[in-house]
Amino acid sequence: MHSTLDVDRGTLTVAVLVDNEVFGRGIEAVLGSVPEVSAVHRCGSREEYEMLSQFGGVDFLIVAPPEAHWLENEGRAVRGSTHVILLVDETATTNVTQLASMPVDGFVSQQRLTADLLSDTLHRIRRGELPMPPTLTRALLARADEPGPGTRTRTVNLTARETEALTLLVKGLSNKQIARRLAISSHGAKRLVASIMLKLDSPNRTTAAINAIRAGLVECD
C-alpha cells in the first residue's frame, strides 16, 4: 500500500509531544510502522521538545491538545520549519472553531490512528494540504454559515488572482493543485495562499476558508 510513497522511505524525523506516557508510547509504536519515518522522539513536555529541536531538524511534531496550548501564541517562532500535527479526540471535541484556529498543519483522529493514516497525513501536509478527520470537516462547514464577530462587516480587499485562489482553497485544493489550476508555479500559489491568510487574519487554511465564507467572499457548495 505504501509502494507509491517509497521515494520518502526512512527520511523523516518525528517528535511526539504527549504527557500521557502510555498514549505517547502507543503513538511511537504506530510511527514505527510508517515506512517514511526514520526516527521517533517521544517528549513528555514542551521543554523536552525544545531541547530536542535545538540539536537537529525535526520534520514533524505530533502534539495532543493539552500540550498544544502554547502554539496559539508562540508556536510559529518555536516550531520553525517543523510541521505540526494536532491529535483530535473526536469523542470530546466541542469547540471545533477554536480547534481549527490552532496554527497547525494538520489534524489526525486519536480514535482512527493507524500507520496508513499517519503516512497519508505526512504526505498530504508536505503537498501543502491541511488534512483533518471527516467529522471535524463536516462540523466546520456546518458552522461556516453562522455569523462570526466582525466577519461580515470587515472589508477584505483581494486581488482577482487571490479571489481565484481562495475559491479553490475553499474547495480543498492543495497549493500544488491551485498552482496547476491557475497555471502558476507552486511558489506563486504558496504566496497567494499566504497573502489570503494574512488578509483574512487566519492562522491556517481551514480558518481562512471559514472566514471567507462568513464574509461572503465565496460560496460554500
N, C-alpha and C. Protein backbone atom coordinates (compact mmCIF):
# COMPACT_ATOMS: atom_id res chain seq x y z
N MET A 1 0.82 -1.20 0.00
CA MET A 1 0.00 0.00 0.00
C MET A 1 0.86 1.25 0.00
N HIS A 2 2.11 1.11 0.45
CA HIS A 2 2.99 2.27 0.52
C HIS A 2 3.91 2.38 -0.69
N SER A 3 3.70 1.52 -1.70
CA SER A 3 4.67 1.45 -2.79
C SER A 3 4.84 2.77 -3.52
N THR A 4 3.76 3.57 -3.66
CA THR A 4 3.87 4.83 -4.38
C THR A 4 4.57 5.90 -3.58
N LEU A 5 4.87 5.62 -2.31
CA LEU A 5 5.48 6.62 -1.44
C LEU A 5 6.92 6.28 -1.09
N ASP A 6 7.48 5.30 -1.77
CA ASP A 6 8.80 4.81 -1.40
C ASP A 6 9.91 5.85 -1.56
N VAL A 7 9.65 6.91 -2.33
CA VAL A 7 10.69 7.92 -2.52
C VAL A 7 11.06 8.59 -1.21
N ASP A 8 10.15 8.55 -0.23
CA ASP A 8 10.41 9.20 1.05
C ASP A 8 10.72 8.18 2.15
N ARG A 9 10.97 6.96 1.76
CA ARG A 9 11.16 5.91 2.76
C ARG A 9 12.33 6.23 3.70
N GLY A 10 12.03 6.22 5.00
CA GLY A 10 13.07 6.37 6.01
C GLY A 10 13.79 7.69 6.02
N THR A 11 13.10 8.80 5.72
CA THR A 11 13.80 10.09 5.68
C THR A 11 13.28 11.10 6.70
N LEU A 12 12.18 10.82 7.38
CA LEU A 12 11.54 11.82 8.24
C LEU A 12 11.81 11.59 9.72
N THR A 13 12.03 12.69 10.43
CA THR A 13 12.19 12.66 11.88
C THR A 13 10.93 13.24 12.52
N VAL A 14 10.34 12.49 13.44
CA VAL A 14 9.08 12.88 14.06
C VAL A 14 9.23 12.95 15.57
N ALA A 15 8.74 14.03 16.16
CA ALA A 15 8.69 14.15 17.62
C ALA A 15 7.24 14.01 18.07
N VAL A 16 7.05 13.37 19.20
CA VAL A 16 5.71 13.18 19.76
C VAL A 16 5.66 13.87 21.11
N LEU A 17 4.81 14.89 21.23
CA LEU A 17 4.69 15.65 22.48
C LEU A 17 3.37 15.29 23.14
N VAL A 18 3.42 14.30 24.02
CA VAL A 18 2.24 13.82 24.74
C VAL A 18 2.64 13.54 26.18
N ASP A 19 1.92 14.13 27.11
CA ASP A 19 2.26 13.97 28.53
C ASP A 19 1.97 12.56 29.03
N ASN A 20 0.88 11.96 28.54
CA ASN A 20 0.49 10.61 28.96
C ASN A 20 1.46 9.59 28.36
N GLU A 21 2.22 8.91 29.22
CA GLU A 21 3.27 8.01 28.74
C GLU A 21 2.71 6.84 27.94
N VAL A 22 1.60 6.26 28.40
CA VAL A 22 1.02 5.11 27.70
C VAL A 22 0.57 5.52 26.30
N PHE A 23 -0.12 6.65 26.22
CA PHE A 23 -0.59 7.15 24.93
C PHE A 23 0.59 7.49 24.03
N GLY A 24 1.60 8.15 24.61
CA GLY A 24 2.77 8.52 23.83
C GLY A 24 3.50 7.32 23.27
N ARG A 25 3.64 6.27 24.08
CA ARG A 25 4.31 5.05 23.60
C ARG A 25 3.49 4.38 22.51
N GLY A 26 2.17 4.48 22.61
CA GLY A 26 1.31 3.90 21.58
C GLY A 26 1.52 4.58 20.24
N ILE A 27 1.58 5.91 20.25
CA ILE A 27 1.82 6.67 19.02
C ILE A 27 3.20 6.35 18.46
N GLU A 28 4.17 6.24 19.37
CA GLU A 28 5.54 5.90 18.97
C GLU A 28 5.57 4.55 18.26
N ALA A 29 4.81 3.59 18.79
CA ALA A 29 4.77 2.26 18.18
C ALA A 29 4.13 2.31 16.79
N VAL A 30 3.07 3.08 16.65
CA VAL A 30 2.41 3.21 15.35
C VAL A 30 3.36 3.85 14.34
N LEU A 31 4.07 4.90 14.76
CA LEU A 31 5.02 5.57 13.86
C LEU A 31 6.13 4.63 13.43
N GLY A 32 6.45 3.66 14.28
CA GLY A 32 7.48 2.69 13.93
C GLY A 32 7.11 1.84 12.73
N SER A 33 5.81 1.82 12.39
CA SER A 33 5.34 1.06 11.23
C SER A 33 5.15 1.92 9.99
N VAL A 34 5.48 3.20 10.10
CA VAL A 34 5.35 4.11 8.95
C VAL A 34 6.68 4.12 8.19
N PRO A 35 6.72 3.61 6.96
CA PRO A 35 7.99 3.46 6.23
C PRO A 35 8.76 4.76 6.04
N GLU A 36 8.04 5.89 5.94
CA GLU A 36 8.70 7.16 5.66
C GLU A 36 9.45 7.73 6.87
N VAL A 37 9.18 7.19 8.05
CA VAL A 37 9.75 7.73 9.29
C VAL A 37 11.04 6.99 9.64
N SER A 38 12.11 7.76 9.83
CA SER A 38 13.41 7.15 10.18
C SER A 38 13.70 7.22 11.67
N ALA A 39 13.14 8.23 12.35
CA ALA A 39 13.41 8.39 13.79
C ALA A 39 12.19 8.99 14.48
N VAL A 40 11.92 8.48 15.69
CA VAL A 40 10.80 8.98 16.50
C VAL A 40 11.34 9.35 17.87
N HIS A 41 11.01 10.55 18.33
CA HIS A 41 11.44 11.02 19.65
C HIS A 41 10.21 11.37 20.47
N ARG A 42 10.02 10.69 21.58
CA ARG A 42 8.87 10.96 22.44
C ARG A 42 9.27 11.97 23.51
N CYS A 43 8.51 13.07 23.60
CA CYS A 43 8.78 14.14 24.56
C CYS A 43 7.61 14.24 25.54
N GLY A 44 7.94 14.34 26.81
CA GLY A 44 6.90 14.44 27.83
C GLY A 44 6.49 15.86 28.16
N SER A 45 7.21 16.84 27.61
CA SER A 45 6.89 18.24 27.90
C SER A 45 7.39 19.12 26.76
N ARG A 46 6.89 20.35 26.76
CA ARG A 46 7.33 21.32 25.77
C ARG A 46 8.83 21.55 25.89
N GLU A 47 9.33 21.61 27.12
CA GLU A 47 10.75 21.85 27.35
C GLU A 47 11.61 20.75 26.72
N GLU A 48 11.15 19.50 26.85
CA GLU A 48 11.88 18.39 26.24
C GLU A 48 11.91 18.54 24.73
N TYR A 49 10.78 18.95 24.15
CA TYR A 49 10.74 19.13 22.70
C TYR A 49 11.68 20.25 22.26
N GLU A 50 11.69 21.35 22.99
CA GLU A 50 12.55 22.47 22.62
C GLU A 50 14.02 22.08 22.69
N MET A 51 14.39 21.27 23.69
CA MET A 51 15.77 20.79 23.79
C MET A 51 16.10 19.91 22.59
N LEU A 52 15.16 19.03 22.23
CA LEU A 52 15.37 18.15 21.09
C LEU A 52 15.56 18.94 19.80
N SER A 53 14.71 19.93 19.59
CA SER A 53 14.75 20.70 18.34
C SER A 53 16.03 21.51 18.18
N GLN A 54 16.71 21.78 19.29
CA GLN A 54 17.96 22.53 19.23
C GLN A 54 19.10 21.70 18.67
N PHE A 55 18.95 20.38 18.72
CA PHE A 55 20.05 19.50 18.30
C PHE A 55 19.92 19.01 16.86
N GLY A 56 18.87 19.39 16.20
CA GLY A 56 18.73 18.93 14.82
C GLY A 56 17.33 19.15 14.31
N GLY A 57 17.17 18.90 13.01
CA GLY A 57 15.88 19.14 12.39
C GLY A 57 14.83 18.11 12.78
N VAL A 58 13.67 18.60 13.16
CA VAL A 58 12.50 17.76 13.39
C VAL A 58 11.51 18.08 12.28
N ASP A 59 11.19 17.09 11.47
CA ASP A 59 10.31 17.34 10.32
C ASP A 59 8.86 17.51 10.75
N PHE A 60 8.42 16.69 11.70
CA PHE A 60 7.04 16.73 12.16
C PHE A 60 6.97 16.65 13.68
N LEU A 61 6.03 17.40 14.23
CA LEU A 61 5.72 17.32 15.66
C LEU A 61 4.26 16.91 15.79
N ILE A 62 4.01 15.79 16.45
CA ILE A 62 2.65 15.35 16.74
C ILE A 62 2.36 15.70 18.19
N VAL A 63 1.31 16.49 18.42
CA VAL A 63 1.06 17.00 19.76
C VAL A 63 -0.40 16.82 20.14
N ALA A 64 -0.65 16.51 21.41
CA ALA A 64 -2.01 16.38 21.93
C ALA A 64 -2.49 17.74 22.43
N PRO A 65 -3.81 18.01 22.38
CA PRO A 65 -4.35 19.31 22.79
C PRO A 65 -3.87 19.82 24.15
N PRO A 66 -3.80 18.98 25.20
CA PRO A 66 -3.35 19.51 26.49
C PRO A 66 -1.95 20.12 26.44
N GLU A 67 -1.11 19.62 25.53
CA GLU A 67 0.25 20.12 25.42
C GLU A 67 0.40 21.15 24.29
N ALA A 68 -0.70 21.48 23.62
CA ALA A 68 -0.62 22.33 22.42
C ALA A 68 -1.00 23.78 22.66
N HIS A 69 -1.41 24.14 23.88
CA HIS A 69 -1.94 25.48 24.12
C HIS A 69 -0.91 26.57 23.81
N TRP A 70 0.37 26.29 24.02
CA TRP A 70 1.41 27.29 23.78
C TRP A 70 1.58 27.64 22.31
N LEU A 71 1.08 26.77 21.42
CA LEU A 71 1.21 27.02 19.99
C LEU A 71 0.43 28.26 19.56
N GLU A 72 -0.67 28.56 20.26
CA GLU A 72 -1.53 29.67 19.85
C GLU A 72 -0.78 31.00 19.86
N ASN A 73 0.11 31.19 20.84
CA ASN A 73 0.78 32.48 20.98
C ASN A 73 2.21 32.50 20.45
N GLU A 74 2.92 31.38 20.60
CA GLU A 74 4.34 31.41 20.24
C GLU A 74 4.80 30.20 19.46
N GLY A 75 3.85 29.42 18.99
CA GLY A 75 4.22 28.19 18.29
C GLY A 75 5.02 28.40 17.03
N ARG A 76 4.65 29.42 16.22
CA ARG A 76 5.34 29.63 14.95
C ARG A 76 6.82 29.94 15.17
N ALA A 77 7.12 30.73 16.19
CA ALA A 77 8.51 31.08 16.46
C ALA A 77 9.29 29.89 16.99
N VAL A 78 8.63 29.08 17.84
CA VAL A 78 9.31 27.95 18.46
C VAL A 78 9.48 26.80 17.49
N ARG A 79 8.48 26.55 16.66
CA ARG A 79 8.50 25.37 15.80
C ARG A 79 9.40 25.52 14.59
N GLY A 80 9.64 26.76 14.13
CA GLY A 80 10.46 26.95 12.95
C GLY A 80 9.82 26.33 11.73
N SER A 81 10.57 25.48 11.03
CA SER A 81 10.06 24.86 9.80
C SER A 81 9.37 23.52 10.06
N THR A 82 9.26 23.13 11.31
CA THR A 82 8.63 21.85 11.65
C THR A 82 7.13 21.89 11.38
N HIS A 83 6.62 20.86 10.74
CA HIS A 83 5.18 20.73 10.52
C HIS A 83 4.54 20.18 11.80
N VAL A 84 3.42 20.76 12.19
CA VAL A 84 2.76 20.35 13.43
C VAL A 84 1.44 19.65 13.13
N ILE A 85 1.25 18.48 13.73
CA ILE A 85 0.01 17.72 13.60
C ILE A 85 -0.66 17.66 14.97
N LEU A 86 -1.92 18.07 15.03
CA LEU A 86 -2.65 18.07 16.30
C LEU A 86 -3.52 16.83 16.39
N LEU A 87 -3.38 16.10 17.48
CA LEU A 87 -4.23 14.94 17.73
C LEU A 87 -5.62 15.41 18.15
N VAL A 88 -6.64 14.81 17.60
CA VAL A 88 -8.02 15.21 17.88
C VAL A 88 -8.79 14.05 18.50
N ASP A 89 -9.39 14.30 19.66
CA ASP A 89 -10.27 13.32 20.30
C ASP A 89 -11.68 13.59 19.80
N GLU A 90 -12.14 12.80 18.84
CA GLU A 90 -13.44 13.06 18.22
C GLU A 90 -14.60 12.88 19.19
N THR A 91 -14.39 12.17 20.28
CA THR A 91 -15.47 11.95 21.24
C THR A 91 -15.59 13.09 22.23
N ALA A 92 -14.58 13.96 22.30
CA ALA A 92 -14.59 15.02 23.32
C ALA A 92 -14.46 16.42 22.74
N THR A 93 -14.40 16.54 21.42
CA THR A 93 -14.24 17.85 20.80
C THR A 93 -15.56 18.61 20.81
N THR A 94 -15.56 19.80 21.38
CA THR A 94 -16.77 20.62 21.45
C THR A 94 -16.61 21.90 20.63
N ASN A 95 -15.58 22.68 20.90
CA ASN A 95 -15.38 23.94 20.19
C ASN A 95 -14.50 23.70 18.96
N VAL A 96 -15.13 23.27 17.88
CA VAL A 96 -14.35 22.91 16.69
C VAL A 96 -13.73 24.14 16.03
N THR A 97 -14.40 25.29 16.12
CA THR A 97 -13.85 26.50 15.51
C THR A 97 -12.55 26.91 16.18
N GLN A 98 -12.53 26.83 17.51
CA GLN A 98 -11.30 27.16 18.24
C GLN A 98 -10.21 26.16 17.90
N LEU A 99 -10.59 24.90 17.80
CA LEU A 99 -9.62 23.85 17.47
C LEU A 99 -9.01 24.11 16.09
N ALA A 100 -9.86 24.46 15.13
CA ALA A 100 -9.38 24.67 13.76
C ALA A 100 -8.53 25.93 13.64
N SER A 101 -8.66 26.84 14.60
CA SER A 101 -7.88 28.08 14.53
C SER A 101 -6.46 27.90 15.05
N MET A 102 -6.15 26.72 15.58
CA MET A 102 -4.79 26.46 16.04
C MET A 102 -3.81 26.54 14.87
N PRO A 103 -2.65 27.16 15.06
CA PRO A 103 -1.68 27.30 13.97
C PRO A 103 -0.92 25.99 13.72
N VAL A 104 -1.64 25.00 13.20
CA VAL A 104 -1.03 23.70 12.93
C VAL A 104 -1.19 23.38 11.45
N ASP A 105 -0.53 22.32 11.01
CA ASP A 105 -0.53 21.96 9.59
C ASP A 105 -1.47 20.83 9.25
N GLY A 106 -2.04 20.19 10.28
CA GLY A 106 -2.96 19.10 10.03
C GLY A 106 -3.50 18.54 11.33
N PHE A 107 -4.56 17.75 11.18
CA PHE A 107 -5.20 17.13 12.33
C PHE A 107 -5.34 15.64 12.07
N VAL A 108 -5.23 14.84 13.12
CA VAL A 108 -5.40 13.40 12.97
C VAL A 108 -6.21 12.89 14.16
N SER A 109 -7.13 11.97 13.89
CA SER A 109 -8.02 11.44 14.92
C SER A 109 -7.31 10.44 15.81
N GLN A 110 -7.46 10.61 17.12
CA GLN A 110 -6.90 9.64 18.06
C GLN A 110 -7.57 8.29 17.89
N GLN A 111 -8.88 8.31 17.60
CA GLN A 111 -9.64 7.07 17.51
C GLN A 111 -9.32 6.27 16.24
N ARG A 112 -8.82 6.94 15.21
CA ARG A 112 -8.57 6.26 13.93
C ARG A 112 -7.08 6.13 13.62
N LEU A 113 -6.25 6.28 14.63
CA LEU A 113 -4.80 6.33 14.43
C LEU A 113 -4.25 5.00 13.94
N THR A 114 -3.71 5.01 12.73
CA THR A 114 -3.06 3.83 12.15
C THR A 114 -1.82 4.29 11.40
N ALA A 115 -0.97 3.34 11.06
CA ALA A 115 0.23 3.67 10.29
C ALA A 115 -0.13 4.24 8.92
N ASP A 116 -1.16 3.67 8.28
CA ASP A 116 -1.57 4.16 6.97
C ASP A 116 -2.10 5.59 7.06
N LEU A 117 -2.89 5.88 8.10
CA LEU A 117 -3.43 7.23 8.26
C LEU A 117 -2.31 8.23 8.49
N LEU A 118 -1.35 7.89 9.34
CA LEU A 118 -0.24 8.80 9.60
C LEU A 118 0.61 9.01 8.35
N SER A 119 0.85 7.94 7.60
CA SER A 119 1.62 8.06 6.37
C SER A 119 0.93 9.00 5.39
N ASP A 120 -0.38 8.82 5.24
CA ASP A 120 -1.15 9.68 4.35
C ASP A 120 -1.13 11.13 4.83
N THR A 121 -1.24 11.32 6.15
CA THR A 121 -1.24 12.67 6.72
C THR A 121 0.08 13.37 6.47
N LEU A 122 1.19 12.67 6.68
CA LEU A 122 2.52 13.25 6.45
C LEU A 122 2.67 13.72 5.01
N HIS A 123 2.24 12.89 4.08
CA HIS A 123 2.40 13.24 2.67
C HIS A 123 1.46 14.35 2.23
N ARG A 124 0.26 14.35 2.75
CA ARG A 124 -0.68 15.43 2.38
C ARG A 124 -0.18 16.78 2.88
N ILE A 125 0.38 16.80 4.07
CA ILE A 125 0.91 18.05 4.61
C ILE A 125 2.08 18.53 3.76
N ARG A 126 2.94 17.63 3.35
CA ARG A 126 4.09 18.01 2.52
C ARG A 126 3.66 18.49 1.14
N ARG A 127 2.46 18.12 0.73
CA ARG A 127 1.92 18.61 -0.55
C ARG A 127 1.21 19.96 -0.37
N GLY A 128 1.15 20.46 0.86
CA GLY A 128 0.51 21.75 1.09
C GLY A 128 -0.94 21.66 1.49
N GLU A 129 -1.44 20.45 1.75
CA GLU A 129 -2.82 20.29 2.18
C GLU A 129 -2.90 20.41 3.70
N LEU A 130 -4.14 20.52 4.22
CA LEU A 130 -4.36 20.56 5.65
C LEU A 130 -5.35 19.44 6.00
N PRO A 131 -4.84 18.21 6.21
CA PRO A 131 -5.73 17.08 6.47
C PRO A 131 -6.41 17.18 7.83
N MET A 132 -7.64 16.68 7.90
CA MET A 132 -8.36 16.63 9.16
C MET A 132 -9.42 15.53 9.09
N PRO A 133 -9.85 15.01 10.24
CA PRO A 133 -10.87 13.97 10.25
C PRO A 133 -12.16 14.46 9.60
N PRO A 134 -12.88 13.59 8.88
CA PRO A 134 -14.13 13.99 8.22
C PRO A 134 -15.15 14.60 9.18
N THR A 135 -15.23 14.09 10.40
CA THR A 135 -16.20 14.63 11.35
C THR A 135 -15.91 16.09 11.67
N LEU A 136 -14.63 16.43 11.78
CA LEU A 136 -14.24 17.81 12.06
C LEU A 136 -14.53 18.70 10.85
N THR A 137 -14.26 18.19 9.66
CA THR A 137 -14.54 18.95 8.44
C THR A 137 -16.02 19.27 8.33
N ARG A 138 -16.87 18.26 8.57
CA ARG A 138 -18.32 18.47 8.47
C ARG A 138 -18.80 19.48 9.51
N ALA A 139 -18.27 19.38 10.72
CA ALA A 139 -18.68 20.30 11.78
C ALA A 139 -18.29 21.73 11.44
N LEU A 140 -17.11 21.91 10.86
CA LEU A 140 -16.65 23.25 10.49
C LEU A 140 -17.49 23.84 9.37
N LEU A 141 -17.81 23.02 8.37
CA LEU A 141 -18.63 23.50 7.26
C LEU A 141 -20.03 23.86 7.74
N ALA A 142 -20.54 23.09 8.70
CA ALA A 142 -21.87 23.38 9.24
C ALA A 142 -21.90 24.71 9.97
N ARG A 143 -20.77 25.07 10.57
CA ARG A 143 -20.70 26.32 11.33
C ARG A 143 -20.23 27.51 10.50
N ALA A 144 -19.80 27.25 9.29
CA ALA A 144 -19.26 28.34 8.47
C ALA A 144 -20.31 29.40 8.16
N ASP A 145 -21.57 29.00 8.08
CA ASP A 145 -22.63 29.96 7.77
C ASP A 145 -23.12 30.71 9.00
N GLU A 146 -22.66 30.29 10.19
CA GLU A 146 -23.05 31.01 11.40
C GLU A 146 -22.30 32.34 11.45
N PRO A 147 -22.96 33.42 11.85
CA PRO A 147 -22.26 34.71 11.91
C PRO A 147 -21.14 34.70 12.93
N GLY A 148 -19.99 35.21 12.53
CA GLY A 148 -18.86 35.33 13.44
C GLY A 148 -18.64 36.79 13.76
N PRO A 149 -18.14 37.12 14.94
CA PRO A 149 -17.97 38.51 15.33
C PRO A 149 -17.09 39.29 14.38
N GLY A 150 -17.67 40.29 13.73
CA GLY A 150 -16.90 41.18 12.88
C GLY A 150 -16.61 40.68 11.49
N THR A 151 -16.96 39.41 11.18
CA THR A 151 -16.55 38.87 9.89
C THR A 151 -17.36 39.42 8.73
N ARG A 152 -18.62 39.78 8.94
CA ARG A 152 -19.45 40.24 7.84
C ARG A 152 -19.33 41.75 7.61
N THR A 153 -18.81 42.47 8.58
CA THR A 153 -18.69 43.91 8.42
C THR A 153 -17.27 44.32 8.03
N ARG A 154 -16.32 43.44 8.20
CA ARG A 154 -14.94 43.77 7.87
C ARG A 154 -14.73 43.74 6.37
N THR A 155 -14.06 44.75 5.85
CA THR A 155 -13.77 44.82 4.43
C THR A 155 -12.45 44.10 4.14
N VAL A 156 -12.52 43.15 3.23
CA VAL A 156 -11.32 42.41 2.83
C VAL A 156 -11.11 42.65 1.34
N ASN A 157 -10.01 43.24 0.99
CA ASN A 157 -9.70 43.55 -0.40
C ASN A 157 -8.75 42.50 -0.98
N LEU A 158 -9.28 41.68 -1.85
CA LEU A 158 -8.48 40.65 -2.51
C LEU A 158 -8.29 41.00 -3.97
N THR A 159 -7.14 40.65 -4.51
CA THR A 159 -6.92 40.81 -5.94
C THR A 159 -7.73 39.74 -6.67
N ALA A 160 -7.87 39.91 -7.98
CA ALA A 160 -8.60 38.93 -8.77
C ALA A 160 -7.95 37.56 -8.67
N ARG A 161 -6.62 37.54 -8.66
CA ARG A 161 -5.89 36.27 -8.57
C ARG A 161 -6.10 35.63 -7.20
N GLU A 162 -6.08 36.45 -6.15
CA GLU A 162 -6.31 35.92 -4.80
C GLU A 162 -7.72 35.36 -4.67
N THR A 163 -8.68 36.01 -5.30
CA THR A 163 -10.05 35.52 -5.26
C THR A 163 -10.16 34.16 -5.95
N GLU A 164 -9.47 34.02 -7.08
CA GLU A 164 -9.46 32.72 -7.77
C GLU A 164 -8.85 31.65 -6.88
N ALA A 165 -7.72 31.98 -6.26
CA ALA A 165 -7.03 31.02 -5.39
C ALA A 165 -7.88 30.69 -4.18
N LEU A 166 -8.56 31.69 -3.62
CA LEU A 166 -9.40 31.47 -2.44
C LEU A 166 -10.55 30.52 -2.76
N THR A 167 -11.15 30.68 -3.93
CA THR A 167 -12.24 29.79 -4.33
C THR A 167 -11.76 28.34 -4.38
N LEU A 168 -10.57 28.13 -4.90
CA LEU A 168 -10.00 26.78 -4.98
C LEU A 168 -9.62 26.27 -3.60
N LEU A 169 -9.10 27.16 -2.75
CA LEU A 169 -8.72 26.78 -1.39
C LEU A 169 -9.93 26.30 -0.62
N VAL A 170 -11.06 27.01 -0.75
CA VAL A 170 -12.29 26.63 -0.05
C VAL A 170 -12.78 25.26 -0.52
N LYS A 171 -12.48 24.93 -1.77
CA LYS A 171 -12.87 23.62 -2.30
C LYS A 171 -11.94 22.51 -1.83
N GLY A 172 -10.88 22.89 -1.10
CA GLY A 172 -9.99 21.89 -0.53
C GLY A 172 -8.76 21.56 -1.34
N LEU A 173 -8.48 22.35 -2.37
CA LEU A 173 -7.31 22.07 -3.20
C LEU A 173 -6.02 22.45 -2.48
N SER A 174 -4.97 21.68 -2.71
CA SER A 174 -3.66 21.96 -2.14
C SER A 174 -2.97 23.07 -2.93
N ASN A 175 -1.84 23.55 -2.42
CA ASN A 175 -1.09 24.59 -3.13
C ASN A 175 -0.69 24.13 -4.53
N LYS A 176 -0.24 22.89 -4.65
CA LYS A 176 0.18 22.38 -5.96
C LYS A 176 -1.00 22.29 -6.91
N GLN A 177 -2.16 21.89 -6.38
CA GLN A 177 -3.35 21.80 -7.22
C GLN A 177 -3.81 23.19 -7.65
N ILE A 178 -3.73 24.16 -6.72
CA ILE A 178 -4.07 25.54 -7.06
C ILE A 178 -3.13 26.06 -8.14
N ALA A 179 -1.84 25.73 -8.00
CA ALA A 179 -0.85 26.17 -8.99
C ALA A 179 -1.19 25.63 -10.38
N ARG A 180 -1.57 24.35 -10.45
CA ARG A 180 -1.91 23.76 -11.74
C ARG A 180 -3.16 24.41 -12.34
N ARG A 181 -4.16 24.63 -11.49
CA ARG A 181 -5.42 25.22 -11.99
C ARG A 181 -5.22 26.65 -12.47
N LEU A 182 -4.33 27.39 -11.81
CA LEU A 182 -4.10 28.78 -12.18
C LEU A 182 -2.93 28.96 -13.14
N ALA A 183 -2.29 27.83 -13.48
CA ALA A 183 -1.13 27.85 -14.40
C ALA A 183 -0.02 28.75 -13.88
N ILE A 184 0.30 28.58 -12.60
CA ILE A 184 1.40 29.33 -11.98
C ILE A 184 2.31 28.34 -11.27
N SER A 185 3.42 28.83 -10.74
CA SER A 185 4.35 27.96 -10.02
C SER A 185 3.81 27.62 -8.63
N SER A 186 4.36 26.57 -8.04
CA SER A 186 3.96 26.20 -6.68
C SER A 186 4.29 27.31 -5.69
N HIS A 187 5.44 27.97 -5.92
CA HIS A 187 5.82 29.09 -5.05
C HIS A 187 4.84 30.25 -5.19
N GLY A 188 4.37 30.46 -6.42
CA GLY A 188 3.39 31.51 -6.64
C GLY A 188 2.08 31.22 -5.92
N ALA A 189 1.66 29.96 -5.95
CA ALA A 189 0.44 29.56 -5.25
C ALA A 189 0.61 29.71 -3.75
N LYS A 190 1.79 29.34 -3.27
CA LYS A 190 2.07 29.45 -1.84
C LYS A 190 2.01 30.91 -1.39
N ARG A 191 2.54 31.80 -2.20
CA ARG A 191 2.50 33.23 -1.87
C ARG A 191 1.07 33.75 -1.86
N LEU A 192 0.26 33.31 -2.83
CA LEU A 192 -1.14 33.73 -2.87
C LEU A 192 -1.89 33.28 -1.63
N VAL A 193 -1.70 32.02 -1.25
CA VAL A 193 -2.38 31.48 -0.07
C VAL A 193 -1.93 32.21 1.19
N ALA A 194 -0.63 32.48 1.29
CA ALA A 194 -0.12 33.20 2.46
C ALA A 194 -0.72 34.60 2.54
N SER A 195 -0.86 35.27 1.40
CA SER A 195 -1.45 36.60 1.37
C SER A 195 -2.92 36.56 1.76
N ILE A 196 -3.63 35.54 1.29
CA ILE A 196 -5.05 35.38 1.63
C ILE A 196 -5.21 35.16 3.13
N MET A 197 -4.39 34.29 3.70
CA MET A 197 -4.47 34.01 5.13
C MET A 197 -4.18 35.27 5.95
N LEU A 198 -3.22 36.07 5.48
CA LEU A 198 -2.89 37.32 6.18
C LEU A 198 -4.07 38.30 6.13
N LYS A 199 -4.65 38.47 4.96
CA LYS A 199 -5.76 39.41 4.81
C LYS A 199 -7.01 38.97 5.57
N LEU A 200 -7.19 37.66 5.71
CA LEU A 200 -8.35 37.13 6.43
C LEU A 200 -8.04 36.89 7.90
N ASP A 201 -6.83 37.29 8.32
CA ASP A 201 -6.42 37.14 9.72
C ASP A 201 -6.62 35.71 10.19
N SER A 202 -6.11 34.77 9.40
CA SER A 202 -6.32 33.35 9.65
C SER A 202 -5.00 32.63 9.84
N PRO A 203 -4.87 31.81 10.89
CA PRO A 203 -3.61 31.10 11.14
C PRO A 203 -3.39 29.90 10.23
N ASN A 204 -4.47 29.41 9.59
CA ASN A 204 -4.31 28.26 8.70
C ASN A 204 -5.38 28.29 7.61
N ARG A 205 -5.29 27.35 6.70
CA ARG A 205 -6.17 27.31 5.53
C ARG A 205 -7.63 27.09 5.92
N THR A 206 -7.86 26.25 6.92
CA THR A 206 -9.23 25.95 7.32
C THR A 206 -9.94 27.19 7.84
N THR A 207 -9.26 27.93 8.73
CA THR A 207 -9.84 29.15 9.26
C THR A 207 -10.04 30.18 8.16
N ALA A 208 -9.12 30.24 7.21
CA ALA A 208 -9.26 31.16 6.08
C ALA A 208 -10.52 30.84 5.29
N ALA A 209 -10.77 29.55 5.06
CA ALA A 209 -11.97 29.15 4.32
C ALA A 209 -13.24 29.53 5.07
N ILE A 210 -13.24 29.29 6.39
CA ILE A 210 -14.41 29.64 7.21
C ILE A 210 -14.65 31.14 7.19
N ASN A 211 -13.59 31.91 7.40
CA ASN A 211 -13.72 33.37 7.42
C ASN A 211 -14.17 33.91 6.06
N ALA A 212 -13.70 33.28 4.98
CA ALA A 212 -14.09 33.72 3.64
C ALA A 212 -15.57 33.49 3.40
N ILE A 213 -16.06 32.33 3.83
CA ILE A 213 -17.49 32.02 3.66
C ILE A 213 -18.33 32.96 4.50
N ARG A 214 -17.91 33.18 5.74
CA ARG A 214 -18.65 34.08 6.63
C ARG A 214 -18.69 35.51 6.09
N ALA A 215 -17.59 35.92 5.47
CA ALA A 215 -17.51 37.29 4.94
C ALA A 215 -18.20 37.44 3.59
N GLY A 216 -18.72 36.33 3.07
CA GLY A 216 -19.41 36.39 1.79
C GLY A 216 -18.49 36.51 0.59
N LEU A 217 -17.21 36.17 0.78
CA LEU A 217 -16.25 36.28 -0.32
C LEU A 217 -16.39 35.14 -1.32
N VAL A 218 -16.83 33.99 -0.83
CA VAL A 218 -17.05 32.83 -1.69
C VAL A 218 -18.30 32.11 -1.21
N GLU A 219 -18.84 31.28 -2.06
CA GLU A 219 -20.00 30.48 -1.70
C GLU A 219 -19.53 29.09 -1.31
N CYS A 220 -20.21 28.52 -0.32
CA CYS A 220 -19.90 27.14 0.10
C CYS A 220 -20.88 26.21 -0.59
N ASP A 221 -20.37 25.39 -1.53
CA ASP A 221 -21.25 24.49 -2.27
C ASP A 221 -21.78 23.38 -1.38
